[in-house]
């Protein structure tokens, strides 16, 4: 009986600690919802399943040749015979998961009317560092480490094609 009393006291102390820390039920005077700090959740659209290959997620922003953000459009991604279209979000961003860590993808940027603005081939590979570059022919190279789950890139329209670069802090 004595140990039961200690257990109840411990449970009561824990409940009081949780309540004091704000983990209890919501209160009517909890504040105005308009004063709440918005939480940003980065949702990634899923590329169609590539059948057991290791994958990486990509977030990307798109810029005009003058450096202005492209706010509206669609990005078409194709890996072999598998492809999908993804609309840019309201901030001109693309977030897609399920791209191959090793292999090639074709990326095409379309405007709101479906007209092609530019495109490039992306070659994904694994290496010692995370990097993104473009060669003279316009082919993009994205290198990720074995432990990389996501990469953030910036694509810039350039001479009818796209250029890609690693986006730091994004």
N, C-alpha and C. Protein backbone atom coordinates (compact mmCIF):
# COMPACT_ATOMS: atom_id res chain seq x y z
N UNK A 1 0.82 -1.18 0.00
CA UNK A 1 0.00 0.00 0.00
C UNK A 1 0.87 1.24 0.00
N UNK A 2 1.99 1.15 0.70
CA UNK A 2 2.88 2.28 0.79
C UNK A 2 3.44 2.67 -0.59
N UNK A 3 3.82 1.66 -1.41
CA UNK A 3 4.36 1.96 -2.75
C UNK A 3 3.29 2.54 -3.66
N UNK A 4 2.04 2.17 -3.48
CA UNK A 4 0.95 2.75 -4.27
C UNK A 4 0.81 4.23 -3.98
N UNK A 5 0.94 4.63 -2.72
CA UNK A 5 0.86 6.04 -2.35
C UNK A 5 1.99 6.84 -2.98
N UNK A 6 3.19 6.28 -3.01
CA UNK A 6 4.34 6.96 -3.64
C UNK A 6 4.10 7.11 -5.14
N UNK A 7 3.54 6.08 -5.76
CA UNK A 7 3.26 6.12 -7.19
C UNK A 7 2.25 7.19 -7.53
N UNK A 8 1.21 7.31 -6.71
CA UNK A 8 0.20 8.34 -6.95
C UNK A 8 0.78 9.73 -6.75
N UNK A 9 1.62 9.90 -5.73
CA UNK A 9 2.26 11.20 -5.51
C UNK A 9 3.16 11.56 -6.69
N UNK A 10 3.92 10.58 -7.19
CA UNK A 10 4.79 10.82 -8.34
C UNK A 10 3.98 11.21 -9.57
N UNK A 11 2.87 10.52 -9.80
CA UNK A 11 2.00 10.85 -10.95
C UNK A 11 1.43 12.25 -10.81
N UNK A 12 1.05 12.63 -9.57
CA UNK A 12 0.50 13.96 -9.34
C UNK A 12 1.56 15.03 -9.59
N UNK A 13 2.79 14.78 -9.13
CA UNK A 13 3.88 15.74 -9.36
C UNK A 13 4.17 15.88 -10.85
N UNK A 14 4.22 14.76 -11.59
CA UNK A 14 4.45 14.82 -13.03
C UNK A 14 3.33 15.59 -13.74
N UNK A 15 2.08 15.35 -13.33
CA UNK A 15 0.95 16.06 -13.94
C UNK A 15 1.06 17.56 -13.69
N UNK A 16 1.44 17.94 -12.49
CA UNK A 16 1.61 19.36 -12.19
C UNK A 16 2.74 19.98 -13.01
N UNK A 17 3.84 19.23 -13.18
CA UNK A 17 4.96 19.73 -14.00
C UNK A 17 4.53 19.93 -15.45
N UNK A 18 3.77 18.98 -15.98
CA UNK A 18 3.30 19.11 -17.35
C UNK A 18 2.36 20.30 -17.51
N UNK A 19 1.48 20.48 -16.56
CA UNK A 19 0.58 21.62 -16.62
C UNK A 19 1.34 22.93 -16.52
N UNK A 20 2.32 22.98 -15.64
CA UNK A 20 3.11 24.21 -15.47
C UNK A 20 3.91 24.51 -16.73
N UNK A 21 4.31 23.48 -17.45
CA UNK A 21 5.08 23.67 -18.68
C UNK A 21 4.18 23.99 -19.87
N UNK A 22 2.88 24.02 -19.67
CA UNK A 22 1.98 24.36 -20.76
C UNK A 22 1.55 23.18 -21.59
N UNK A 23 1.72 21.97 -21.07
CA UNK A 23 1.37 20.78 -21.83
C UNK A 23 -0.05 20.31 -21.53
N UNK A 24 -0.81 21.08 -20.79
CA UNK A 24 -2.17 20.69 -20.45
C UNK A 24 -3.13 21.01 -21.57
N UNK A 25 -4.39 20.92 -21.29
CA UNK A 25 -5.43 21.22 -22.28
C UNK A 25 -5.39 22.70 -22.64
N UNK A 26 -5.87 23.02 -23.81
CA UNK A 26 -5.90 24.41 -24.27
C UNK A 26 -6.85 25.21 -23.39
N UNK A 27 -6.47 26.44 -23.14
CA UNK A 27 -7.29 27.31 -22.32
C UNK A 27 -8.04 28.29 -23.21
N UNK A 28 -9.16 28.76 -22.73
CA UNK A 28 -9.95 29.71 -23.48
C UNK A 28 -9.21 31.03 -23.66
N UNK A 29 -8.31 31.37 -22.71
CA UNK A 29 -7.59 32.64 -22.81
C UNK A 29 -6.19 32.45 -23.40
N UNK A 30 -6.02 31.43 -24.24
CA UNK A 30 -4.70 31.09 -24.78
C UNK A 30 -4.18 32.14 -25.75
N UNK A 31 -4.97 33.09 -26.14
CA UNK A 31 -4.50 34.14 -27.05
C UNK A 31 -5.25 34.13 -28.35
N UNK A 32 -5.02 35.16 -29.11
CA UNK A 32 -5.68 35.34 -30.40
C UNK A 32 -4.95 34.52 -31.45
N UNK A 33 -5.66 33.68 -32.23
CA UNK A 33 -5.02 32.88 -33.27
C UNK A 33 -4.27 33.75 -34.29
N UNK A 34 -4.71 34.99 -34.48
CA UNK A 34 -4.02 35.87 -35.43
C UNK A 34 -2.63 36.25 -34.94
N UNK A 35 -2.38 36.13 -33.63
CA UNK A 35 -1.07 36.43 -33.07
C UNK A 35 -0.13 35.24 -33.13
N UNK A 36 -0.63 34.09 -33.54
CA UNK A 36 0.19 32.88 -33.57
C UNK A 36 1.29 33.00 -34.63
N UNK A 37 2.43 32.43 -34.34
CA UNK A 37 3.54 32.41 -35.29
C UNK A 37 3.27 31.31 -36.30
N UNK A 38 3.28 31.63 -37.60
CA UNK A 38 3.00 30.59 -38.60
C UNK A 38 4.15 29.58 -38.65
N UNK A 39 3.79 28.33 -38.86
CA UNK A 39 4.77 27.26 -39.01
C UNK A 39 4.83 26.89 -40.47
N UNK A 40 6.03 26.85 -41.02
CA UNK A 40 6.20 26.48 -42.41
C UNK A 40 6.51 24.99 -42.49
N UNK A 41 5.69 24.25 -43.20
CA UNK A 41 5.92 22.83 -43.41
C UNK A 41 6.28 22.67 -44.88
N UNK A 42 7.45 22.08 -45.11
CA UNK A 42 7.90 21.90 -46.48
C UNK A 42 7.40 20.56 -46.99
N UNK A 43 6.34 20.61 -47.78
CA UNK A 43 5.80 19.40 -48.38
C UNK A 43 6.54 19.13 -49.68
N UNK A 44 6.91 17.88 -49.87
CA UNK A 44 7.56 17.46 -51.10
C UNK A 44 6.58 16.64 -51.91
N UNK A 45 6.39 17.02 -53.17
CA UNK A 45 5.60 16.20 -54.08
C UNK A 45 6.43 14.97 -54.41
N UNK A 46 5.79 13.85 -54.61
CA UNK A 46 6.52 12.60 -54.85
C UNK A 46 6.64 12.32 -56.35
N UNK A 47 7.87 12.08 -56.79
CA UNK A 47 8.11 11.60 -58.16
C UNK A 47 7.62 10.16 -58.21
N UNK A 48 7.10 9.70 -59.35
CA UNK A 48 6.64 8.30 -59.42
C UNK A 48 7.76 7.33 -59.02
N UNK A 49 7.38 6.22 -58.39
CA UNK A 49 8.31 5.23 -57.88
C UNK A 49 9.23 4.71 -59.00
N UNK A 50 10.52 4.71 -58.72
CA UNK A 50 11.51 4.26 -59.70
C UNK A 50 11.96 2.82 -59.45
N UNK A 51 11.27 2.13 -58.57
CA UNK A 51 11.54 0.71 -58.40
C UNK A 51 12.79 0.35 -57.63
N UNK A 52 12.91 0.83 -56.40
CA UNK A 52 13.96 0.37 -55.53
C UNK A 52 15.31 1.07 -55.64
N UNK A 53 15.42 2.12 -56.42
CA UNK A 53 16.70 2.85 -56.49
C UNK A 53 16.79 3.82 -55.31
N UNK A 54 18.01 4.12 -54.89
CA UNK A 54 18.19 5.13 -53.84
C UNK A 54 17.77 6.48 -54.39
N UNK A 55 17.08 7.25 -53.55
CA UNK A 55 16.54 8.52 -54.04
C UNK A 55 16.98 9.69 -53.16
N UNK A 56 16.78 10.88 -53.71
CA UNK A 56 17.09 12.13 -53.03
C UNK A 56 15.93 13.09 -53.29
N UNK A 57 15.68 13.98 -52.34
CA UNK A 57 14.68 15.04 -52.53
C UNK A 57 15.37 16.29 -53.03
N UNK A 58 14.64 17.09 -53.80
CA UNK A 58 15.21 18.32 -54.34
C UNK A 58 14.24 19.47 -54.10
N UNK A 59 14.77 20.57 -53.57
CA UNK A 59 14.00 21.81 -53.55
C UNK A 59 14.72 22.74 -54.51
N UNK A 60 13.94 23.54 -55.21
CA UNK A 60 14.55 24.37 -56.24
C UNK A 60 13.78 25.67 -56.42
N UNK A 61 14.54 26.71 -56.72
CA UNK A 61 13.97 27.99 -57.09
C UNK A 61 14.37 28.27 -58.54
N UNK A 62 13.57 29.07 -59.23
CA UNK A 62 13.81 29.35 -60.64
C UNK A 62 13.87 30.85 -60.86
N UNK A 63 14.88 31.29 -61.60
CA UNK A 63 15.12 32.72 -61.83
C UNK A 63 15.19 33.02 -63.32
N UNK A 64 14.80 34.27 -63.68
CA UNK A 64 15.00 34.75 -65.05
C UNK A 64 16.47 35.09 -65.23
N UNK A 65 16.87 35.42 -66.46
CA UNK A 65 18.26 35.82 -66.71
C UNK A 65 18.63 37.07 -65.91
N UNK A 66 17.64 37.91 -65.58
CA UNK A 66 17.88 39.13 -64.80
C UNK A 66 17.88 38.87 -63.29
N UNK A 67 17.69 37.62 -62.88
CA UNK A 67 17.71 37.29 -61.45
C UNK A 67 16.38 37.42 -60.75
N UNK A 68 15.31 37.68 -61.49
CA UNK A 68 13.97 37.77 -60.89
C UNK A 68 13.40 36.37 -60.70
N UNK A 69 12.71 36.15 -59.58
CA UNK A 69 12.09 34.86 -59.31
C UNK A 69 10.95 34.60 -60.28
N UNK A 70 10.90 33.40 -60.80
CA UNK A 70 9.79 32.98 -61.65
C UNK A 70 8.71 32.43 -60.72
N UNK A 71 7.57 33.11 -60.66
CA UNK A 71 6.53 32.80 -59.68
C UNK A 71 5.55 31.72 -60.14
N UNK A 72 5.31 31.63 -61.44
CA UNK A 72 4.31 30.69 -61.95
C UNK A 72 4.93 29.82 -63.02
N UNK A 73 4.46 28.59 -63.06
CA UNK A 73 4.92 27.69 -64.10
C UNK A 73 4.86 26.25 -63.64
N UNK A 74 5.38 25.40 -64.50
CA UNK A 74 5.38 23.97 -64.26
C UNK A 74 6.77 23.44 -64.57
N UNK A 75 7.20 22.48 -63.79
CA UNK A 75 8.47 21.80 -64.06
C UNK A 75 8.15 20.37 -64.45
N UNK A 76 8.64 19.97 -65.60
CA UNK A 76 8.48 18.60 -66.08
C UNK A 76 9.78 17.86 -65.81
N UNK A 77 9.68 16.77 -65.08
CA UNK A 77 10.84 15.93 -64.78
C UNK A 77 10.63 14.56 -65.40
N UNK A 78 11.66 14.06 -66.09
CA UNK A 78 11.61 12.73 -66.70
C UNK A 78 12.87 11.96 -66.35
N UNK A 79 12.69 10.73 -65.89
CA UNK A 79 13.79 9.82 -65.63
C UNK A 79 13.50 8.58 -66.46
N UNK A 80 14.27 8.40 -67.53
CA UNK A 80 13.97 7.30 -68.44
C UNK A 80 12.58 7.49 -69.03
N UNK A 81 11.76 6.46 -68.91
CA UNK A 81 10.39 6.50 -69.43
C UNK A 81 9.39 7.04 -68.41
N UNK A 82 9.86 7.35 -67.20
CA UNK A 82 8.98 7.82 -66.13
C UNK A 82 9.06 9.33 -66.03
N UNK A 83 7.91 9.99 -66.02
CA UNK A 83 7.91 11.44 -65.93
C UNK A 83 6.69 11.96 -65.21
N UNK A 84 6.79 13.22 -64.79
CA UNK A 84 5.67 13.88 -64.11
C UNK A 84 5.85 15.38 -64.19
N UNK A 85 4.74 16.11 -64.14
CA UNK A 85 4.73 17.57 -64.11
C UNK A 85 4.43 18.03 -62.70
N UNK A 86 5.13 19.09 -62.27
CA UNK A 86 4.96 19.65 -60.93
C UNK A 86 4.79 21.15 -61.04
N UNK A 87 3.70 21.68 -60.49
CA UNK A 87 3.47 23.13 -60.50
C UNK A 87 4.38 23.79 -59.47
N UNK A 88 4.91 24.97 -59.82
CA UNK A 88 5.65 25.76 -58.85
C UNK A 88 4.66 26.25 -57.80
N UNK A 89 5.11 26.35 -56.55
CA UNK A 89 4.21 26.86 -55.51
C UNK A 89 4.09 28.38 -55.63
N UNK A 90 3.35 29.00 -54.77
CA UNK A 90 3.09 30.43 -54.83
C UNK A 90 4.35 31.29 -54.74
N UNK A 91 5.43 30.74 -54.21
CA UNK A 91 6.69 31.48 -54.11
C UNK A 91 7.64 31.12 -55.24
N UNK A 92 7.17 30.34 -56.21
CA UNK A 92 8.02 29.94 -57.33
C UNK A 92 8.98 28.82 -56.99
N UNK A 93 8.62 28.03 -56.01
CA UNK A 93 9.49 26.94 -55.55
C UNK A 93 8.95 25.59 -55.99
N UNK A 94 9.87 24.66 -56.17
CA UNK A 94 9.55 23.27 -56.45
C UNK A 94 10.17 22.43 -55.35
N UNK A 95 9.41 21.47 -54.82
CA UNK A 95 9.93 20.51 -53.86
C UNK A 95 9.44 19.14 -54.30
N UNK A 96 10.38 18.27 -54.65
CA UNK A 96 10.01 16.94 -55.13
C UNK A 96 10.94 15.90 -54.50
N UNK A 97 10.34 14.80 -54.09
CA UNK A 97 11.12 13.69 -53.53
C UNK A 97 11.12 12.54 -54.53
N UNK A 98 12.05 11.60 -54.32
CA UNK A 98 12.04 10.39 -55.14
C UNK A 98 12.87 10.46 -56.40
N UNK A 99 13.77 11.46 -56.52
CA UNK A 99 14.65 11.52 -57.69
C UNK A 99 15.83 10.58 -57.46
N UNK A 100 16.40 10.03 -58.53
CA UNK A 100 17.47 9.05 -58.35
C UNK A 100 18.76 9.70 -57.82
N UNK A 101 19.43 9.03 -56.88
CA UNK A 101 20.73 9.52 -56.41
C UNK A 101 21.81 9.30 -57.46
N UNK A 102 21.59 8.32 -58.31
CA UNK A 102 22.51 8.00 -59.40
C UNK A 102 21.69 7.90 -60.68
N UNK A 103 22.06 8.66 -61.71
CA UNK A 103 21.34 8.57 -62.97
C UNK A 103 21.05 9.94 -63.55
N UNK A 104 20.24 9.94 -64.59
CA UNK A 104 19.98 11.15 -65.36
C UNK A 104 18.50 11.49 -65.33
N UNK A 105 18.22 12.78 -65.24
CA UNK A 105 16.84 13.28 -65.30
C UNK A 105 16.80 14.46 -66.26
N UNK A 106 15.75 14.56 -67.03
CA UNK A 106 15.51 15.72 -67.89
C UNK A 106 14.58 16.66 -67.14
N UNK A 107 14.95 17.94 -67.07
CA UNK A 107 14.15 18.95 -66.38
C UNK A 107 13.78 20.02 -67.40
N UNK A 108 12.49 20.32 -67.50
CA UNK A 108 12.00 21.35 -68.42
C UNK A 108 11.11 22.31 -67.63
N UNK A 109 11.38 23.60 -67.78
CA UNK A 109 10.57 24.64 -67.15
C UNK A 109 9.59 25.18 -68.17
N UNK A 110 8.29 25.15 -67.81
CA UNK A 110 7.22 25.64 -68.68
C UNK A 110 6.56 26.85 -68.02
N UNK A 111 6.14 27.81 -68.84
CA UNK A 111 5.42 28.95 -68.25
C UNK A 111 3.98 28.56 -67.98
N UNK A 112 3.17 29.51 -67.50
CA UNK A 112 1.78 29.24 -67.14
C UNK A 112 0.92 28.76 -68.29
N UNK A 113 1.34 29.06 -69.54
CA UNK A 113 0.59 28.62 -70.72
C UNK A 113 1.11 27.31 -71.29
N UNK A 114 2.15 26.74 -70.68
CA UNK A 114 2.71 25.48 -71.16
C UNK A 114 3.81 25.64 -72.19
N UNK A 115 4.26 26.88 -72.42
CA UNK A 115 5.35 27.12 -73.36
C UNK A 115 6.68 26.85 -72.66
N UNK A 116 7.57 26.13 -73.35
CA UNK A 116 8.86 25.81 -72.77
C UNK A 116 9.72 27.06 -72.64
N UNK A 117 10.21 27.31 -71.42
CA UNK A 117 11.12 28.42 -71.17
C UNK A 117 12.58 28.00 -71.25
N UNK A 118 12.85 26.77 -70.84
CA UNK A 118 14.21 26.25 -70.85
C UNK A 118 14.24 24.86 -70.27
N UNK A 119 15.33 24.18 -70.54
CA UNK A 119 15.45 22.82 -70.04
C UNK A 119 16.91 22.42 -69.93
N UNK A 120 17.15 21.32 -69.26
CA UNK A 120 18.50 20.79 -69.14
C UNK A 120 18.45 19.33 -68.70
N UNK A 121 19.54 18.66 -68.92
CA UNK A 121 19.73 17.31 -68.40
C UNK A 121 20.49 17.42 -67.09
N UNK A 122 20.00 16.72 -66.08
CA UNK A 122 20.67 16.68 -64.78
C UNK A 122 21.25 15.28 -64.58
N UNK A 123 22.53 15.21 -64.27
CA UNK A 123 23.19 13.95 -63.98
C UNK A 123 23.47 13.89 -62.49
N UNK A 124 22.78 12.96 -61.81
CA UNK A 124 22.95 12.78 -60.38
C UNK A 124 24.01 11.73 -60.12
N UNK A 125 24.88 12.01 -59.15
CA UNK A 125 25.89 11.03 -58.75
C UNK A 125 26.22 11.21 -57.29
N UNK A 126 26.90 10.20 -56.74
CA UNK A 126 27.31 10.25 -55.35
C UNK A 126 28.80 10.52 -55.29
N UNK A 127 29.20 11.37 -54.33
CA UNK A 127 30.60 11.72 -54.19
C UNK A 127 30.93 12.10 -52.77
N UNK A 128 32.10 12.70 -52.60
CA UNK A 128 32.58 13.07 -51.27
C UNK A 128 31.99 14.37 -50.77
N UNK A 129 31.51 15.23 -51.68
CA UNK A 129 30.94 16.53 -51.32
C UNK A 129 29.62 16.72 -52.03
N UNK A 130 28.82 17.68 -51.55
CA UNK A 130 27.58 18.06 -52.22
C UNK A 130 27.92 19.22 -53.14
N UNK A 131 27.53 19.11 -54.42
CA UNK A 131 27.87 20.15 -55.39
C UNK A 131 26.87 20.14 -56.54
N UNK A 132 26.80 21.25 -57.24
CA UNK A 132 26.01 21.34 -58.46
C UNK A 132 26.76 22.24 -59.42
N UNK A 133 26.85 21.80 -60.68
CA UNK A 133 27.57 22.58 -61.68
C UNK A 133 26.98 22.30 -63.06
N UNK A 134 27.43 23.07 -64.04
CA UNK A 134 26.96 22.92 -65.42
C UNK A 134 28.18 22.94 -66.32
N UNK A 135 28.20 22.05 -67.32
CA UNK A 135 29.31 22.07 -68.27
C UNK A 135 28.98 22.97 -69.46
N UNK A 136 29.90 23.07 -70.40
CA UNK A 136 29.74 23.96 -71.56
C UNK A 136 28.52 23.62 -72.42
N UNK A 137 28.14 22.34 -72.44
CA UNK A 137 27.00 21.93 -73.26
C UNK A 137 25.66 22.17 -72.58
N UNK A 138 25.67 22.59 -71.30
CA UNK A 138 24.43 22.87 -70.58
C UNK A 138 23.93 21.71 -69.74
N UNK A 139 24.72 20.65 -69.64
CA UNK A 139 24.35 19.52 -68.79
C UNK A 139 24.67 19.86 -67.35
N UNK A 140 23.72 19.60 -66.45
CA UNK A 140 23.92 19.87 -65.04
C UNK A 140 24.38 18.62 -64.31
N UNK A 141 25.26 18.82 -63.35
CA UNK A 141 25.79 17.72 -62.54
C UNK A 141 25.49 18.01 -61.08
N UNK A 142 24.77 17.09 -60.45
CA UNK A 142 24.42 17.23 -59.04
C UNK A 142 25.07 16.06 -58.30
N UNK A 143 25.96 16.40 -57.38
CA UNK A 143 26.67 15.38 -56.60
C UNK A 143 26.18 15.46 -55.16
N UNK A 144 25.84 14.31 -54.61
CA UNK A 144 25.42 14.23 -53.22
C UNK A 144 26.27 13.19 -52.51
N UNK A 145 26.34 13.31 -51.20
CA UNK A 145 27.04 12.31 -50.39
C UNK A 145 26.09 11.15 -50.12
N UNK A 146 26.63 10.06 -49.61
CA UNK A 146 25.81 8.88 -49.31
C UNK A 146 24.72 9.19 -48.30
N UNK A 147 25.00 10.10 -47.35
CA UNK A 147 24.02 10.41 -46.30
C UNK A 147 23.10 11.57 -46.65
N UNK A 148 23.19 12.10 -47.86
CA UNK A 148 22.36 13.24 -48.27
C UNK A 148 20.92 12.79 -48.54
N UNK A 149 19.98 13.46 -47.90
CA UNK A 149 18.56 13.15 -48.13
C UNK A 149 17.91 14.17 -49.04
N UNK A 150 18.43 15.42 -49.06
CA UNK A 150 17.83 16.47 -49.87
C UNK A 150 18.91 17.43 -50.34
N UNK A 151 18.68 18.01 -51.50
CA UNK A 151 19.58 19.00 -52.07
C UNK A 151 18.75 20.20 -52.50
N UNK A 152 19.31 21.39 -52.37
CA UNK A 152 18.60 22.62 -52.71
C UNK A 152 19.34 23.30 -53.85
N UNK A 153 18.63 23.56 -54.95
CA UNK A 153 19.24 24.11 -56.15
C UNK A 153 18.54 25.38 -56.60
N UNK A 154 19.28 26.19 -57.35
CA UNK A 154 18.71 27.34 -58.05
C UNK A 154 18.92 27.11 -59.53
N UNK A 155 17.86 27.28 -60.30
CA UNK A 155 17.94 27.18 -61.76
C UNK A 155 17.73 28.57 -62.34
N UNK A 156 18.60 28.97 -63.26
CA UNK A 156 18.51 30.29 -63.88
C UNK A 156 18.39 30.12 -65.39
N UNK A 157 17.41 30.82 -65.99
CA UNK A 157 17.29 30.81 -67.45
C UNK A 157 18.54 31.46 -68.05
N UNK A 158 19.07 30.83 -69.08
CA UNK A 158 20.28 31.34 -69.71
C UNK A 158 20.36 30.88 -71.15
N UNK A 159 20.19 31.80 -72.09
CA UNK A 159 20.34 31.48 -73.51
C UNK A 159 19.45 30.36 -74.01
N UNK A 160 18.21 30.31 -73.58
CA UNK A 160 17.28 29.28 -74.04
C UNK A 160 17.37 27.99 -73.24
N UNK A 161 18.29 27.92 -72.30
CA UNK A 161 18.41 26.73 -71.46
C UNK A 161 18.36 27.13 -70.00
N UNK A 162 18.76 26.24 -69.16
CA UNK A 162 18.82 26.49 -67.73
C UNK A 162 20.23 26.22 -67.22
N UNK A 163 20.61 26.92 -66.20
CA UNK A 163 21.85 26.69 -65.48
C UNK A 163 21.46 26.35 -64.05
N UNK A 164 22.19 25.43 -63.43
CA UNK A 164 21.85 25.09 -62.04
C UNK A 164 23.06 25.37 -61.15
N UNK A 165 22.75 25.69 -59.91
CA UNK A 165 23.78 25.93 -58.91
C UNK A 165 23.24 25.47 -57.56
N UNK A 166 24.14 25.09 -56.70
CA UNK A 166 23.78 24.71 -55.34
C UNK A 166 23.27 25.94 -54.61
N UNK A 167 22.16 25.79 -53.92
CA UNK A 167 21.59 26.89 -53.14
C UNK A 167 21.94 26.63 -51.68
N UNK A 168 22.75 27.50 -51.14
CA UNK A 168 23.18 27.35 -49.75
C UNK A 168 22.14 27.95 -48.83
N UNK A 169 21.90 27.28 -47.73
CA UNK A 169 20.94 27.79 -46.74
C UNK A 169 19.51 27.68 -47.20
N UNK A 170 19.19 26.90 -48.25
CA UNK A 170 17.83 26.80 -48.72
C UNK A 170 17.33 25.48 -48.70
